[in-house]
C-alpha atoms as a PDB file:
ATOM      1  CA  MET A   1     -18.833 108.103  71.698  1.00  0.00           C
ATOM      2  CA  GLU A   2     -18.355 104.447  72.296  1.00  0.00           C
ATOM      3  CA  SER A   3     -17.527 102.566  69.111  1.00  0.00           C
ATOM      4  CA  SER A   4     -18.467  99.107  70.312  1.00  0.00           C
ATOM      5  CA  LYS A   5     -21.494  98.042  72.283  1.00  0.00           C
ATOM      6  CA  VAL A   6     -22.222  94.604  73.653  1.00  0.00           C
ATOM      7  CA  ILE A   7     -25.784  93.353  73.580  1.00  0.00           C
ATOM      8  CA  SER A   8     -26.435  90.616  76.073  1.00  0.00           C
ATOM      9  CA  THR A   9     -29.333  89.337  78.066  1.00  0.00           C
ATOM     10  CA  ASP A  10     -29.633  88.296  81.639  1.00  0.00           C
ATOM     11  CA  LYS A  11     -30.014  84.571  80.968  1.00  0.00           C
ATOM     12  CA  PRO A  12     -31.929  83.387  84.058  1.00  0.00           C
ATOM     13  CA  THR A  13     -34.538  86.131  83.810  1.00  0.00           C
ATOM     14  CA  VAL A  14     -35.147  85.638  80.091  1.00  0.00           C
ATOM     15  CA  VAL A  15     -35.412  81.857  80.398  1.00  0.00           C
ATOM     16  CA  ILE A  16     -37.910  82.147  83.247  1.00  0.00           C
ATOM     17  CA  GLU A  17     -40.011  84.617  81.253  1.00  0.00           C
ATOM     18  CA  VAL A  18     -39.974  82.415  78.161  1.00  0.00           C
ATOM     19  CA  LYS A  19     -40.930  79.350  80.216  1.00  0.00           C
ATOM     20  CA  ALA A  20     -43.792  81.294  81.806  1.00  0.00           C
ATOM     21  CA  SER A  21     -44.941  82.395  78.354  1.00  0.00           C
ATOM     22  CA  LEU A  22     -44.728  78.794  77.149  1.00  0.00           C
ATOM     23  CA  LEU A  23     -46.893  77.578  80.020  1.00  0.00           C
ATOM     24  CA  MET A  24     -49.404  80.359  79.467  1.00  0.00           C
ATOM     25  CA  ASN A  25     -49.679  79.539  75.749  1.00  0.00           C
ATOM     26  CA  LEU A  26     -50.034  75.831  76.448  1.00  0.00           C
ATOM     27  CA  PHE A  27     -52.834  76.601  78.890  1.00  0.00           C
ATOM     28  CA  SER A  28     -54.447  78.835  76.254  1.00  0.00           C
ATOM     29  CA  ALA A  29     -54.221  76.064  73.639  1.00  0.00           C
ATOM     30  CA  ILE A  30     -55.747  73.497  76.002  1.00  0.00           C
ATOM     31  CA  THR A  31     -58.543  75.889  76.950  1.00  0.00           C
ATOM     32  CA  ALA A  32     -59.246  76.697  73.297  1.00  0.00           C
ATOM     33  CA  ALA A  33     -59.355  73.005  72.384  1.00  0.00           C
ATOM     34  CA  PHE A  34     -61.753  72.322  75.251  1.00  0.00           C
ATOM     35  CA  SER A  35     -63.928  75.270  74.156  1.00  0.00           C
ATOM     36  CA  ILE A  36     -64.012  74.050  70.560  1.00  0.00           C
ATOM     37  CA  ILE A  37     -65.166  70.616  71.727  1.00  0.00           C
ATOM     38  CA  LEU A  38     -67.858  72.040  74.013  1.00  0.00           C
ATOM     39  CA  MET A  39     -69.140  74.466  71.368  1.00  0.00           C
ATOM     40  CA  GLY A  40     -69.244  71.651  68.826  1.00  0.00           C
ATOM     41  CA  ILE A  41     -71.322  69.550  71.205  1.00  0.00           C
ATOM     42  CA  GLN A  42     -73.626  72.480  71.880  1.00  0.00           C
ATOM     43  CA  LEU A  43     -74.026  73.186  68.142  1.00  0.00           C
ATOM     44  CA  GLU A  44     -74.840  69.538  67.529  1.00  0.00           C
ATOM     45  CA  LYS A  45     -77.438  69.466  70.320  1.00  0.00           C
ATOM     46  CA  ILE A  46     -79.156  72.660  69.208  1.00  0.00           C
ATOM     47  CA  SER A  47     -79.153  71.796  65.522  1.00  0.00           C
ATOM     48  CA  ARG A  48     -80.377  68.230  66.148  1.00  0.00           C
ATOM     49  CA  ASP A  49     -83.683  69.672  67.269  1.00  0.00           C
ATOM     50  CA  GLU A  50     -85.176  71.963  64.703  1.00  0.00           C
ATOM     51  CA  PRO A  51     -84.457  75.443  65.995  1.00  0.00           C
ATOM     52  CA  THR A  52     -87.756  77.255  65.964  1.00  0.00           C
ATOM     53  CA  LEU A  53     -87.221  80.035  68.418  1.00  0.00           C
ATOM     54  CA  TYR A  54     -85.358  83.214  67.639  1.00  0.00           C
ATOM     55  CA  VAL A  55     -83.271  82.579  70.754  1.00  0.00           C
ATOM     56  CA  GLU A  56     -82.010  79.282  69.328  1.00  0.00           C
ATOM     57  CA  TYR A  57     -81.075  80.934  66.025  1.00  0.00           C
ATOM     58  CA  PHE A  58     -79.318  83.692  67.951  1.00  0.00           C
ATOM     59  CA  THR A  59     -77.473  81.086  70.033  1.00  0.00           C
ATOM     60  CA  LEU A  60     -76.349  79.286  66.879  1.00  0.00           C
ATOM     61  CA  ARG A  61     -74.987  82.534  65.461  1.00  0.00           C
ATOM     62  CA  VAL A  62     -73.157  83.421  68.662  1.00  0.00           C
ATOM     63  CA  ILE A  63     -71.581  79.968  68.906  1.00  0.00           C
ATOM     64  CA  GLY A  64     -70.550  80.163  65.253  1.00  0.00           C
ATOM     65  CA  ILE A  65     -68.870  83.522  65.787  1.00  0.00           C
ATOM     66  CA  MET A  66     -67.140  82.238  68.918  1.00  0.00           C
ATOM     67  CA  LEU A  67     -65.825  79.271  66.930  1.00  0.00           C
ATOM     68  CA  VAL A  68     -64.496  81.641  64.267  1.00  0.00           C
ATOM     69  CA  PHE A  69     -62.366  83.325  66.950  1.00  0.00           C
ATOM     70  CA  THR A  70     -61.508  80.245  69.024  1.00  0.00           C
ATOM     71  CA  ILE A  71     -60.052  78.144  66.212  1.00  0.00           C
ATOM     72  CA  PRO A  72     -57.399  80.769  65.241  1.00  0.00           C
ATOM     73  CA  GLN A  73     -56.662  81.277  68.951  1.00  0.00           C
ATOM     74  CA  PHE A  74     -55.899  77.567  69.216  1.00  0.00           C
ATOM     75  CA  ILE A  75     -53.660  77.613  66.145  1.00  0.00           C
ATOM     76  CA  ILE A  76     -51.775  80.751  67.211  1.00  0.00           C
ATOM     77  CA  SER A  77     -51.223  79.374  70.723  1.00  0.00           C
ATOM     78  CA  ILE A  78     -49.708  76.203  69.277  1.00  0.00           C
ATOM     79  CA  TYR A  79     -47.368  78.183  67.000  1.00  0.00           C
ATOM     80  CA  ILE A  80     -46.224  80.497  69.789  1.00  0.00           C
ATOM     81  CA  SER A  81     -45.669  77.531  72.098  1.00  0.00           C
ATOM     82  CA  ALA A  82     -43.534  75.835  69.451  1.00  0.00           C
ATOM     83  CA  PHE A  83     -41.486  79.013  69.003  1.00  0.00           C
ATOM     84  CA  ALA A  84     -40.970  79.332  72.777  1.00  0.00           C
ATOM     85  CA  CYS A  85     -39.928  75.692  72.994  1.00  0.00           C
ATOM     86  CA  LYS A  86     -37.347  76.245  70.257  1.00  0.00           C
ATOM     87  CA  ALA A  87     -36.064  79.307  72.109  1.00  0.00           C
ATOM     88  CA  ILE A  88     -35.693  77.433  75.379  1.00  0.00           C
ATOM     89  CA  CYS A  89     -34.099  74.340  73.855  1.00  0.00           C
ATOM     90  CA  ASN A  90     -31.443  76.334  71.974  1.00  0.00           C
ATOM     91  CA  LYS A  91     -28.287  75.919  74.039  1.00  0.00           C
ATOM     92  CA  ASN A  92     -26.002  77.671  71.531  1.00  0.00           C
ATOM     93  CA  SER A  93     -26.669  81.267  72.469  1.00  0.00           C
ATOM     94  CA  THR A  94     -24.060  83.851  71.629  1.00  0.00           C
ATOM     95  CA  VAL A  95     -23.302  87.422  72.584  1.00  0.00           C
ATOM     96  CA  VAL A  96     -23.703  89.824  69.677  1.00  0.00           C
ATOM     97  CA  ASN A  97     -21.112  92.558  69.265  1.00  0.00           C
ATOM     98  CA  VAL A  98     -22.385  95.655  67.490  1.00  0.00           C
ATOM     99  CA  ASP A  99     -19.692  97.846  65.975  1.00  0.00           C
END
């Protein structure tokens, strides 16, 4: 049995993957923000008129549910992007020796 193992990462591959993840999460945050704005406009337009049809009430419910899921998506994307940015900007990486 080997008493000491070295854990290291292939730096270029990991950095590229983290940068790709960062870009994907930034795109997700931008898309979620755009969706929140558009759904807010749509809610305002529908609720300005007095919704009389069942279809309009159904649409209001669907938009409300979509907002319930889109707002946390936006927040989570921002947090993950911040974490990825911290991971990329950290220049003091070390090799961990496990005994």
